[in-house]
Amino acid sequence: MTQKLLTFVQDIARLLEQKPSESILLAEGKKLVATLVSSPEWLPEAFRKPHPAHYQQYLLYADPLDCLSIVSFVWGPGQTTPVHDHLTWGIVGGLVGEEREVTYRQRSDGGYSPSGEGVLRPGEVTAVSPTIGDVHSVANNLSDQVSISIHVYGANIGRVRRHVFDPQTGAARSFVSGYSNDMTPNLWSGVAA
């Protein structure tokens, strides 16, 4: 069950070892994430569980140097994030259901206005970064079922001090997202946590 995730971790680690430019990293990384999200059965049930009040952010893997993390996001019906940033590159692949993203650009008065919108479906991939666009909000696009996406970041995203923004004023509030789980799969034993 975790062999697909282990293969992905090995492949993305090899890509990162080459120290590619961000454009190459995102292009090649998107291909790897697309392979990972081509089917959902590899993700253990423990990392698919929704919460009735808010989305779940389950850590699947973080490297010991905090330069890579892989997370499953599980969205119950109607669940959404505030407008936020990441401060690192990220690649997101749709695994189950549909995820709606609204991107934002900062206005001259400091506030944020929507600049684009899209829906991520199973097998589809998108990216964020400070250079290509890093501020967005995300929501489950389905009102009657769970949606799940796999996020890959160039940092241990649950430990990064990031920002939530008030779109009207641009006021920023710092936050550290953490994770919904206390344990991650043991990739090398072949046993899912």
N, C-alpha and C. Protein backbone atom coordinates (compact mmCIF):
# COMPACT_ATOMS: atom_id res chain seq x y z
N MET A 1 0.82 -1.20 0.00
CA MET A 1 0.00 0.00 0.00
C MET A 1 0.86 1.26 0.00
N THR A 2 1.97 1.28 0.73
CA THR A 2 2.82 2.46 0.74
C THR A 2 3.92 2.40 -0.31
N GLN A 3 4.00 1.34 -1.10
CA GLN A 3 5.06 1.24 -2.12
C GLN A 3 4.97 2.40 -3.10
N LYS A 4 3.77 2.79 -3.50
CA LYS A 4 3.61 3.89 -4.44
C LYS A 4 4.13 5.19 -3.84
N LEU A 5 3.84 5.42 -2.56
CA LEU A 5 4.34 6.62 -1.89
C LEU A 5 5.86 6.55 -1.74
N LEU A 6 6.40 5.40 -1.37
CA LEU A 6 7.85 5.25 -1.25
C LEU A 6 8.54 5.53 -2.58
N THR A 7 8.01 4.99 -3.66
CA THR A 7 8.58 5.24 -4.99
C THR A 7 8.55 6.74 -5.31
N PHE A 8 7.44 7.40 -4.98
CA PHE A 8 7.35 8.84 -5.21
C PHE A 8 8.40 9.59 -4.41
N VAL A 9 8.55 9.26 -3.12
CA VAL A 9 9.55 9.94 -2.28
C VAL A 9 10.94 9.76 -2.87
N GLN A 10 11.26 8.56 -3.31
CA GLN A 10 12.57 8.32 -3.91
C GLN A 10 12.75 9.13 -5.19
N ASP A 11 11.72 9.18 -6.03
CA ASP A 11 11.81 9.91 -7.30
C ASP A 11 11.93 11.41 -7.08
N ILE A 12 11.15 11.97 -6.16
CA ILE A 12 11.23 13.42 -5.93
C ILE A 12 12.55 13.78 -5.25
N ALA A 13 13.08 12.88 -4.39
CA ALA A 13 14.38 13.12 -3.76
C ALA A 13 15.49 13.15 -4.82
N ARG A 14 15.42 12.24 -5.79
CA ARG A 14 16.42 12.24 -6.87
C ARG A 14 16.34 13.53 -7.68
N LEU A 15 15.11 14.00 -7.93
CA LEU A 15 14.94 15.26 -8.65
C LEU A 15 15.53 16.42 -7.86
N LEU A 16 15.28 16.48 -6.57
CA LEU A 16 15.80 17.57 -5.74
C LEU A 16 17.31 17.53 -5.63
N GLU A 17 17.90 16.34 -5.66
CA GLU A 17 19.37 16.21 -5.60
C GLU A 17 20.04 16.90 -6.78
N GLN A 18 19.33 17.01 -7.90
CA GLN A 18 19.89 17.65 -9.10
C GLN A 18 19.90 19.17 -8.99
N LYS A 19 19.25 19.72 -7.95
CA LYS A 19 19.16 21.16 -7.74
C LYS A 19 18.69 21.90 -8.99
N PRO A 20 17.55 21.48 -9.54
CA PRO A 20 17.05 22.12 -10.76
C PRO A 20 16.52 23.53 -10.49
N SER A 21 16.39 24.32 -11.52
CA SER A 21 15.72 25.61 -11.39
C SER A 21 14.28 25.34 -10.96
N GLU A 22 13.62 26.36 -10.43
CA GLU A 22 12.25 26.16 -9.98
C GLU A 22 11.34 25.75 -11.14
N SER A 23 11.54 26.33 -12.31
CA SER A 23 10.66 25.98 -13.43
C SER A 23 10.81 24.51 -13.82
N ILE A 24 12.02 24.00 -13.81
CA ILE A 24 12.25 22.58 -14.12
C ILE A 24 11.71 21.71 -12.98
N LEU A 25 11.96 22.13 -11.74
CA LEU A 25 11.47 21.38 -10.59
C LEU A 25 9.94 21.24 -10.64
N LEU A 26 9.25 22.35 -10.91
CA LEU A 26 7.78 22.29 -10.95
C LEU A 26 7.29 21.46 -12.13
N ALA A 27 7.93 21.61 -13.29
CA ALA A 27 7.50 20.83 -14.47
C ALA A 27 7.71 19.34 -14.25
N GLU A 28 8.89 18.96 -13.79
CA GLU A 28 9.18 17.54 -13.57
C GLU A 28 8.44 17.00 -12.35
N GLY A 29 8.35 17.83 -11.30
CA GLY A 29 7.63 17.42 -10.10
C GLY A 29 6.16 17.20 -10.38
N LYS A 30 5.57 18.01 -11.24
CA LYS A 30 4.15 17.82 -11.58
C LYS A 30 3.93 16.46 -12.25
N LYS A 31 4.88 16.03 -13.07
CA LYS A 31 4.76 14.71 -13.70
C LYS A 31 4.78 13.61 -12.64
N LEU A 32 5.68 13.75 -11.65
CA LEU A 32 5.77 12.75 -10.59
C LEU A 32 4.50 12.73 -9.74
N VAL A 33 3.98 13.91 -9.40
CA VAL A 33 2.75 13.98 -8.60
C VAL A 33 1.58 13.41 -9.40
N ALA A 34 1.53 13.68 -10.70
CA ALA A 34 0.45 13.13 -11.54
C ALA A 34 0.45 11.61 -11.49
N THR A 35 1.62 11.00 -11.48
CA THR A 35 1.71 9.54 -11.36
C THR A 35 1.20 9.09 -9.99
N LEU A 36 1.58 9.82 -8.94
CA LEU A 36 1.16 9.46 -7.58
C LEU A 36 -0.36 9.52 -7.44
N VAL A 37 -1.00 10.53 -8.03
CA VAL A 37 -2.45 10.69 -7.87
C VAL A 37 -3.25 10.06 -9.00
N SER A 38 -2.61 9.21 -9.79
CA SER A 38 -3.32 8.56 -10.90
C SER A 38 -4.35 7.55 -10.41
N SER A 39 -4.21 7.11 -9.17
CA SER A 39 -5.21 6.22 -8.55
C SER A 39 -5.15 6.46 -7.04
N PRO A 40 -6.28 6.29 -6.34
CA PRO A 40 -6.31 6.64 -4.92
C PRO A 40 -6.07 5.50 -3.93
N GLU A 41 -6.03 4.25 -4.39
CA GLU A 41 -6.04 3.14 -3.44
C GLU A 41 -4.80 3.03 -2.56
N TRP A 42 -3.71 3.68 -2.92
CA TRP A 42 -2.48 3.59 -2.14
C TRP A 42 -2.55 4.35 -0.81
N LEU A 43 -3.46 5.32 -0.70
CA LEU A 43 -3.53 6.15 0.51
C LEU A 43 -4.27 5.40 1.61
N PRO A 44 -3.62 5.09 2.73
CA PRO A 44 -4.27 4.35 3.82
C PRO A 44 -5.48 5.10 4.38
N GLU A 45 -6.42 4.35 4.90
CA GLU A 45 -7.65 4.92 5.45
C GLU A 45 -7.38 5.94 6.55
N ALA A 46 -6.34 5.74 7.33
CA ALA A 46 -6.02 6.66 8.43
C ALA A 46 -5.76 8.08 7.94
N PHE A 47 -5.39 8.23 6.67
CA PHE A 47 -5.05 9.53 6.11
C PHE A 47 -6.13 10.05 5.16
N ARG A 48 -7.33 9.48 5.28
CA ARG A 48 -8.49 9.87 4.46
C ARG A 48 -9.65 10.37 5.32
N LYS A 49 -9.49 10.39 6.63
CA LYS A 49 -10.61 10.66 7.53
C LYS A 49 -10.92 12.15 7.60
N PRO A 50 -12.17 12.53 7.30
CA PRO A 50 -12.55 13.94 7.44
C PRO A 50 -12.89 14.27 8.89
N HIS A 51 -12.91 15.54 9.18
CA HIS A 51 -13.36 16.05 10.47
C HIS A 51 -14.64 16.83 10.19
N PRO A 52 -15.64 16.76 11.07
CA PRO A 52 -16.90 17.43 10.76
C PRO A 52 -16.82 18.95 10.72
N ALA A 53 -15.83 19.56 11.38
CA ALA A 53 -15.78 21.02 11.48
C ALA A 53 -14.75 21.69 10.58
N HIS A 54 -13.67 20.99 10.23
CA HIS A 54 -12.61 21.64 9.46
C HIS A 54 -11.82 20.59 8.67
N TYR A 55 -11.09 21.08 7.67
CA TYR A 55 -10.29 20.15 6.86
C TYR A 55 -9.17 19.56 7.70
N GLN A 56 -8.68 18.41 7.26
CA GLN A 56 -7.58 17.72 7.92
C GLN A 56 -6.33 17.80 7.05
N GLN A 57 -5.20 17.93 7.70
CA GLN A 57 -3.91 18.02 7.03
C GLN A 57 -3.02 16.93 7.64
N TYR A 58 -2.95 15.76 6.93
CA TYR A 58 -2.21 14.61 7.45
C TYR A 58 -0.81 14.54 6.84
N LEU A 59 0.20 14.53 7.68
CA LEU A 59 1.57 14.38 7.20
C LEU A 59 1.80 12.95 6.74
N LEU A 60 2.24 12.79 5.50
CA LEU A 60 2.60 11.47 4.97
C LEU A 60 4.11 11.25 5.01
N TYR A 61 4.87 12.34 4.80
CA TYR A 61 6.32 12.23 4.81
C TYR A 61 6.92 13.62 4.99
N ALA A 62 7.97 13.71 5.80
CA ALA A 62 8.80 14.92 5.89
C ALA A 62 10.24 14.46 5.99
N ASP A 63 11.10 15.04 5.16
CA ASP A 63 12.49 14.61 5.22
C ASP A 63 13.15 15.24 6.45
N PRO A 64 14.24 14.67 6.95
CA PRO A 64 14.84 15.13 8.20
C PRO A 64 15.43 16.53 8.14
N LEU A 65 15.66 17.07 6.95
CA LEU A 65 16.22 18.42 6.81
C LEU A 65 15.15 19.47 6.56
N ASP A 66 13.89 19.09 6.64
CA ASP A 66 12.76 20.00 6.45
C ASP A 66 12.72 20.67 5.08
N CYS A 67 13.22 19.98 4.06
CA CYS A 67 13.17 20.58 2.71
C CYS A 67 12.19 19.84 1.80
N LEU A 68 11.36 18.96 2.36
CA LEU A 68 10.34 18.29 1.58
C LEU A 68 9.28 17.75 2.54
N SER A 69 8.02 17.95 2.20
CA SER A 69 6.94 17.30 2.94
C SER A 69 5.83 16.92 1.97
N ILE A 70 5.14 15.84 2.33
CA ILE A 70 4.04 15.33 1.53
C ILE A 70 2.86 15.18 2.48
N VAL A 71 1.72 15.75 2.08
CA VAL A 71 0.58 15.87 2.98
C VAL A 71 -0.70 15.49 2.23
N SER A 72 -1.58 14.76 2.90
CA SER A 72 -2.92 14.57 2.33
C SER A 72 -3.85 15.57 3.00
N PHE A 73 -4.59 16.30 2.18
CA PHE A 73 -5.60 17.23 2.67
C PHE A 73 -6.96 16.57 2.45
N VAL A 74 -7.74 16.49 3.51
CA VAL A 74 -9.05 15.85 3.45
C VAL A 74 -10.10 16.90 3.78
N TRP A 75 -11.00 17.10 2.83
CA TRP A 75 -12.00 18.17 2.92
C TRP A 75 -13.39 17.56 3.06
N GLY A 76 -14.07 17.90 4.16
CA GLY A 76 -15.47 17.55 4.27
C GLY A 76 -16.29 18.52 3.43
N PRO A 77 -17.56 18.21 3.18
CA PRO A 77 -18.41 19.12 2.41
C PRO A 77 -18.43 20.52 3.02
N GLY A 78 -18.24 21.53 2.17
CA GLY A 78 -18.31 22.92 2.59
C GLY A 78 -17.07 23.46 3.29
N GLN A 79 -16.05 22.64 3.48
CA GLN A 79 -14.86 23.11 4.20
C GLN A 79 -13.94 23.92 3.29
N THR A 80 -13.31 24.94 3.87
CA THR A 80 -12.49 25.86 3.10
C THR A 80 -11.35 26.41 3.95
N THR A 81 -10.34 26.94 3.29
CA THR A 81 -9.25 27.63 3.99
C THR A 81 -9.48 29.13 3.91
N PRO A 82 -8.84 29.88 4.78
CA PRO A 82 -8.80 31.32 4.57
C PRO A 82 -7.81 31.64 3.45
N VAL A 83 -7.71 32.88 3.05
CA VAL A 83 -6.69 33.31 2.09
C VAL A 83 -5.34 33.21 2.80
N HIS A 84 -4.39 32.50 2.18
CA HIS A 84 -3.11 32.24 2.86
C HIS A 84 -1.97 32.11 1.85
N ASP A 85 -0.73 32.12 2.37
CA ASP A 85 0.45 31.89 1.54
C ASP A 85 1.16 30.62 2.00
N HIS A 86 2.29 30.29 1.32
CA HIS A 86 3.06 29.08 1.61
C HIS A 86 4.53 29.37 1.87
N LEU A 87 5.08 30.38 1.19
CA LEU A 87 6.47 30.80 1.32
C LEU A 87 7.47 29.76 0.81
N THR A 88 7.00 28.81 0.03
CA THR A 88 7.83 27.81 -0.61
C THR A 88 7.07 27.28 -1.82
N TRP A 89 7.77 26.52 -2.67
CA TRP A 89 7.06 25.91 -3.80
C TRP A 89 6.18 24.77 -3.29
N GLY A 90 5.12 24.53 -4.04
CA GLY A 90 4.24 23.43 -3.72
C GLY A 90 3.60 22.88 -4.98
N ILE A 91 3.35 21.58 -4.99
CA ILE A 91 2.66 20.91 -6.10
C ILE A 91 1.49 20.16 -5.48
N VAL A 92 0.30 20.33 -6.07
CA VAL A 92 -0.91 19.73 -5.53
C VAL A 92 -1.54 18.86 -6.60
N GLY A 93 -1.91 17.63 -6.20
CA GLY A 93 -2.58 16.71 -7.11
C GLY A 93 -3.92 16.28 -6.54
N GLY A 94 -4.94 16.29 -7.38
CA GLY A 94 -6.26 15.84 -6.96
C GLY A 94 -6.30 14.32 -6.87
N LEU A 95 -6.83 13.79 -5.77
CA LEU A 95 -6.90 12.34 -5.58
C LEU A 95 -8.34 11.82 -5.59
N VAL A 96 -9.23 12.49 -4.87
CA VAL A 96 -10.63 12.08 -4.77
C VAL A 96 -11.48 13.35 -4.75
N GLY A 97 -12.59 13.35 -5.45
CA GLY A 97 -13.51 14.48 -5.41
C GLY A 97 -13.01 15.67 -6.20
N GLU A 98 -13.33 16.88 -5.74
CA GLU A 98 -12.95 18.11 -6.43
C GLU A 98 -12.56 19.18 -5.41
N GLU A 99 -11.50 19.90 -5.73
CA GLU A 99 -11.00 20.97 -4.88
C GLU A 99 -11.03 22.27 -5.69
N ARG A 100 -11.64 23.31 -5.14
CA ARG A 100 -11.71 24.61 -5.82
C ARG A 100 -10.64 25.54 -5.25
N GLU A 101 -9.87 26.16 -6.13
CA GLU A 101 -8.84 27.11 -5.73
C GLU A 101 -9.17 28.48 -6.29
N VAL A 102 -9.04 29.49 -5.45
CA VAL A 102 -9.14 30.88 -5.89
C VAL A 102 -7.78 31.52 -5.60
N THR A 103 -7.13 32.04 -6.64
CA THR A 103 -5.85 32.71 -6.46
C THR A 103 -6.09 34.21 -6.25
N TYR A 104 -5.14 34.86 -5.56
CA TYR A 104 -5.26 36.28 -5.21
C TYR A 104 -4.00 37.04 -5.59
N ARG A 105 -4.20 38.31 -5.96
CA ARG A 105 -3.10 39.25 -6.19
C ARG A 105 -3.30 40.43 -5.25
N GLN A 106 -2.18 40.96 -4.75
CA GLN A 106 -2.27 42.11 -3.85
C GLN A 106 -2.52 43.38 -4.64
N ARG A 107 -3.46 44.19 -4.16
CA ARG A 107 -3.78 45.47 -4.78
C ARG A 107 -2.83 46.55 -4.28
N SER A 108 -2.86 47.69 -4.92
CA SER A 108 -2.01 48.82 -4.51
C SER A 108 -2.38 49.33 -3.12
N ASP A 109 -3.64 49.13 -2.68
CA ASP A 109 -4.04 49.57 -1.34
C ASP A 109 -3.70 48.54 -0.26
N GLY A 110 -3.06 47.42 -0.65
CA GLY A 110 -2.64 46.40 0.30
C GLY A 110 -3.58 45.22 0.41
N GLY A 111 -4.85 45.40 0.01
CA GLY A 111 -5.80 44.29 0.06
C GLY A 111 -5.54 43.27 -1.04
N TYR A 112 -6.33 42.22 -1.06
CA TYR A 112 -6.16 41.16 -2.06
C TYR A 112 -7.45 40.98 -2.85
N SER A 113 -7.29 40.84 -4.15
CA SER A 113 -8.43 40.59 -5.04
C SER A 113 -8.24 39.25 -5.74
N PRO A 114 -9.36 38.52 -5.98
CA PRO A 114 -9.25 37.27 -6.73
C PRO A 114 -8.65 37.52 -8.11
N SER A 115 -7.76 36.64 -8.53
CA SER A 115 -7.12 36.79 -9.84
C SER A 115 -7.35 35.58 -10.73
N GLY A 116 -7.94 34.54 -10.19
CA GLY A 116 -8.21 33.34 -10.98
C GLY A 116 -8.90 32.30 -10.13
N GLU A 117 -9.51 31.34 -10.82
CA GLU A 117 -10.21 30.27 -10.12
C GLU A 117 -10.13 29.01 -10.96
N GLY A 118 -10.01 27.88 -10.29
CA GLY A 118 -9.97 26.61 -11.00
C GLY A 118 -10.44 25.48 -10.11
N VAL A 119 -10.76 24.36 -10.73
CA VAL A 119 -11.19 23.17 -10.01
C VAL A 119 -10.21 22.04 -10.32
N LEU A 120 -9.70 21.43 -9.27
CA LEU A 120 -8.75 20.32 -9.37
C LEU A 120 -9.51 19.02 -9.19
N ARG A 121 -9.42 18.15 -10.19
CA ARG A 121 -10.11 16.86 -10.17
C ARG A 121 -9.08 15.73 -10.06
N PRO A 122 -9.53 14.50 -9.78
CA PRO A 122 -8.58 13.39 -9.64
C PRO A 122 -7.64 13.28 -10.84
N GLY A 123 -6.34 13.14 -10.54
CA GLY A 123 -5.32 13.01 -11.57
C GLY A 123 -4.77 14.33 -12.08
N GLU A 124 -5.43 15.44 -11.76
CA GLU A 124 -4.96 16.76 -12.21
C GLU A 124 -3.98 17.34 -11.20
N VAL A 125 -3.10 18.23 -11.68
CA VAL A 125 -2.03 18.76 -10.86
C VAL A 125 -1.90 20.26 -11.08
N THR A 126 -1.57 20.99 -10.02
CA THR A 126 -1.31 22.42 -10.11
C THR A 126 -0.13 22.75 -9.19
N ALA A 127 0.32 24.01 -9.21
CA ALA A 127 1.49 24.39 -8.41
C ALA A 127 1.32 25.79 -7.84
N VAL A 128 2.05 26.06 -6.77
CA VAL A 128 2.16 27.39 -6.16
C VAL A 128 3.62 27.64 -5.84
N SER A 129 3.97 28.90 -5.76
CA SER A 129 5.29 29.31 -5.25
C SER A 129 5.31 30.83 -5.18
N PRO A 130 6.22 31.39 -4.41
CA PRO A 130 6.32 32.85 -4.37
C PRO A 130 6.60 33.48 -5.73
N THR A 131 7.21 32.75 -6.65
CA THR A 131 7.52 33.33 -7.96
C THR A 131 6.39 33.20 -8.97
N ILE A 132 5.53 32.19 -8.85
CA ILE A 132 4.45 32.02 -9.83
C ILE A 132 3.07 32.37 -9.27
N GLY A 133 2.99 32.61 -7.98
CA GLY A 133 1.72 32.91 -7.32
C GLY A 133 1.59 32.05 -6.09
N ASP A 134 1.51 32.69 -4.92
CA ASP A 134 1.60 31.95 -3.67
C ASP A 134 0.42 32.18 -2.74
N VAL A 135 -0.49 33.08 -3.10
CA VAL A 135 -1.60 33.41 -2.21
C VAL A 135 -2.89 32.88 -2.81
N HIS A 136 -3.59 32.05 -2.03
CA HIS A 136 -4.85 31.48 -2.52
C HIS A 136 -5.74 31.05 -1.36
N SER A 137 -6.94 30.64 -1.70
CA SER A 137 -7.82 29.94 -0.77
C SER A 137 -8.27 28.67 -1.49
N VAL A 138 -8.59 27.65 -0.71
CA VAL A 138 -8.94 26.35 -1.26
C VAL A 138 -10.19 25.85 -0.54
N ALA A 139 -11.04 25.12 -1.27
CA ALA A 139 -12.27 24.59 -0.67
C ALA A 139 -12.65 23.29 -1.35
N ASN A 140 -13.43 22.49 -0.64
CA ASN A 140 -14.06 21.33 -1.25
C ASN A 140 -15.10 21.86 -2.22
N ASN A 141 -15.03 21.45 -3.46
CA ASN A 141 -15.97 21.93 -4.47
C ASN A 141 -17.27 21.12 -4.49
N LEU A 142 -17.35 20.07 -3.67
CA LEU A 142 -18.52 19.21 -3.64
C LEU A 142 -19.27 19.39 -2.33
N SER A 143 -20.58 19.48 -2.40
CA SER A 143 -21.40 19.72 -1.21
C SER A 143 -21.86 18.44 -0.53
N ASP A 144 -21.58 17.29 -1.15
CA ASP A 144 -22.13 16.05 -0.60
C ASP A 144 -21.12 14.93 -0.42
N GLN A 145 -19.83 15.23 -0.57
CA GLN A 145 -18.84 14.17 -0.37
C GLN A 145 -17.49 14.75 -0.01
N VAL A 146 -16.62 13.88 0.48
CA VAL A 146 -15.25 14.23 0.84
C VAL A 146 -14.41 14.40 -0.42
N SER A 147 -13.49 15.35 -0.37
CA SER A 147 -12.48 15.50 -1.42
C SER A 147 -11.11 15.38 -0.75
N ILE A 148 -10.16 14.78 -1.49
CA ILE A 148 -8.81 14.57 -0.96
C ILE A 148 -7.81 15.01 -2.02
N SER A 149 -6.78 15.73 -1.58
CA SER A 149 -5.70 16.11 -2.48
C SER A 149 -4.37 15.81 -1.80
N ILE A 150 -3.34 15.62 -2.61
CA ILE A 150 -1.99 15.36 -2.11
C ILE A 150 -1.14 16.59 -2.41
N HIS A 151 -0.51 17.15 -1.36
CA HIS A 151 0.30 18.36 -1.47
C HIS A 151 1.76 18.00 -1.21
N VAL A 152 2.64 18.49 -2.06
CA VAL A 152 4.07 18.27 -1.91
C VAL A 152 4.72 19.65 -1.82
N TYR A 153 5.51 19.89 -0.78
CA TYR A 153 6.09 21.21 -0.55
C TYR A 153 7.62 21.13 -0.42
N GLY A 154 8.26 22.25 -0.72
CA GLY A 154 9.71 22.37 -0.60
C GLY A 154 10.15 22.78 0.79
N ALA A 155 9.39 22.40 1.79
CA ALA A 155 9.69 22.65 3.21
C ALA A 155 8.78 21.72 4.01
N ASN A 156 9.03 21.62 5.30
CA ASN A 156 8.11 20.90 6.17
C ASN A 156 6.97 21.88 6.47
N ILE A 157 5.95 21.88 5.62
CA ILE A 157 4.93 22.92 5.62
C ILE A 157 4.22 23.06 6.96
N GLY A 158 4.12 22.01 7.72
CA GLY A 158 3.47 22.08 9.03
C GLY A 158 4.29 22.83 10.06
N ARG A 159 5.55 23.14 9.74
CA ARG A 159 6.43 23.87 10.66
C ARG A 159 6.75 25.28 10.17
N VAL A 160 6.30 25.64 8.98
CA VAL A 160 6.62 26.95 8.40
C VAL A 160 5.69 28.02 8.97
N ARG A 161 6.25 29.13 9.43
CA ARG A 161 5.45 30.27 9.89
C ARG A 161 4.99 31.04 8.66
N ARG A 162 3.68 30.91 8.36
CA ARG A 162 3.10 31.50 7.16
C ARG A 162 2.11 32.58 7.54
N HIS A 163 1.26 32.98 6.57
CA HIS A 163 0.34 34.09 6.82
C HIS A 163 -1.06 33.80 6.30
N VAL A 164 -2.04 34.24 7.06
CA VAL A 164 -3.43 34.31 6.63
C VAL A 164 -3.70 35.80 6.41
N PHE A 165 -4.42 36.10 5.32
CA PHE A 165 -4.66 37.50 4.96
C PHE A 165 -6.14 37.85 5.01
N ASP A 166 -6.42 39.06 5.46
CA ASP A 166 -7.76 39.65 5.32
C ASP A 166 -7.79 40.23 3.91
N PRO A 167 -8.62 39.69 3.02
CA PRO A 167 -8.60 40.17 1.63
C PRO A 167 -8.95 41.65 1.48
N GLN A 168 -9.79 42.16 2.38
CA GLN A 168 -10.19 43.56 2.27
C GLN A 168 -9.06 44.53 2.59
N THR A 169 -8.37 44.27 3.70
CA THR A 169 -7.35 45.20 4.17
C THR A 169 -5.92 44.75 3.88
N GLY A 170 -5.74 43.46 3.64
CA GLY A 170 -4.39 42.92 3.46
C GLY A 170 -3.70 42.60 4.77
N ALA A 171 -4.36 42.86 5.89
CA ALA A 171 -3.77 42.57 7.19
C ALA A 171 -3.38 41.09 7.26
N ALA A 172 -2.16 40.86 7.73
CA ALA A 172 -1.63 39.50 7.80
C ALA A 172 -1.55 39.04 9.25
N ARG A 173 -1.88 37.78 9.45
CA ARG A 173 -1.73 37.13 10.75
C ARG A 173 -0.86 35.90 10.55
N SER A 174 0.18 35.76 11.35
CA SER A 174 1.08 34.60 11.25
C SER A 174 0.42 33.35 11.81
N PHE A 175 0.75 32.21 11.22
CA PHE A 175 0.27 30.93 11.75
C PHE A 175 1.25 29.83 11.36
N VAL A 176 1.22 28.76 12.10
CA VAL A 176 1.93 27.52 11.78
C VAL A 176 0.85 26.45 11.76
N SER A 177 0.69 25.79 10.62
CA SER A 177 -0.46 24.89 10.46
C SER A 177 -0.38 23.60 11.26
N GLY A 178 0.81 23.07 11.46
CA GLY A 178 0.91 21.78 12.11
C GLY A 178 0.25 20.69 11.28
N TYR A 179 -0.04 19.56 11.91
CA TYR A 179 -0.66 18.44 11.22
C TYR A 179 -1.77 17.85 12.07
N SER A 180 -2.68 17.15 11.43
CA SER A 180 -3.81 16.52 12.12
C SER A 180 -3.43 15.18 12.74
N ASN A 181 -2.32 14.61 12.33
CA ASN A 181 -1.93 13.29 12.83
C ASN A 181 -0.63 13.36 13.62
N ASP A 182 -0.44 12.36 14.46
CA ASP A 182 0.77 12.27 15.27
C ASP A 182 1.78 11.30 14.70
N MET A 183 1.39 10.53 13.68
CA MET A 183 2.31 9.55 13.14
C MET A 183 2.20 9.54 11.62
N THR A 184 3.25 9.11 10.98
CA THR A 184 3.29 9.02 9.53
C THR A 184 3.53 7.57 9.14
N PRO A 185 3.23 7.21 7.88
CA PRO A 185 3.48 5.84 7.46
C PRO A 185 4.97 5.51 7.55
N ASN A 186 5.28 4.29 7.93
CA ASN A 186 6.66 3.82 7.90
C ASN A 186 6.92 3.29 6.51
N LEU A 187 7.46 4.15 5.64
CA LEU A 187 7.65 3.80 4.25
C LEU A 187 8.61 2.62 4.04
N TRP A 188 9.58 2.53 4.93
CA TRP A 188 10.62 1.54 4.69
C TRP A 188 10.27 0.17 5.25
N SER A 189 9.28 0.08 6.10
CA SER A 189 8.89 -1.23 6.62
C SER A 189 7.81 -1.86 5.76
N GLY A 190 7.17 -1.03 4.91
CA GLY A 190 6.06 -1.52 4.11
C GLY A 190 4.77 -1.59 4.90
N VAL A 191 4.76 -1.04 6.12
CA VAL A 191 3.59 -1.07 6.97
C VAL A 191 3.03 0.34 7.09
N ALA A 192 1.76 0.50 6.82
CA ALA A 192 1.12 1.80 6.97
C ALA A 192 0.81 2.02 8.44
N ALA A 193 0.98 3.25 8.89
CA ALA A 193 0.71 3.59 10.29
C ALA A 193 -0.77 3.48 10.58
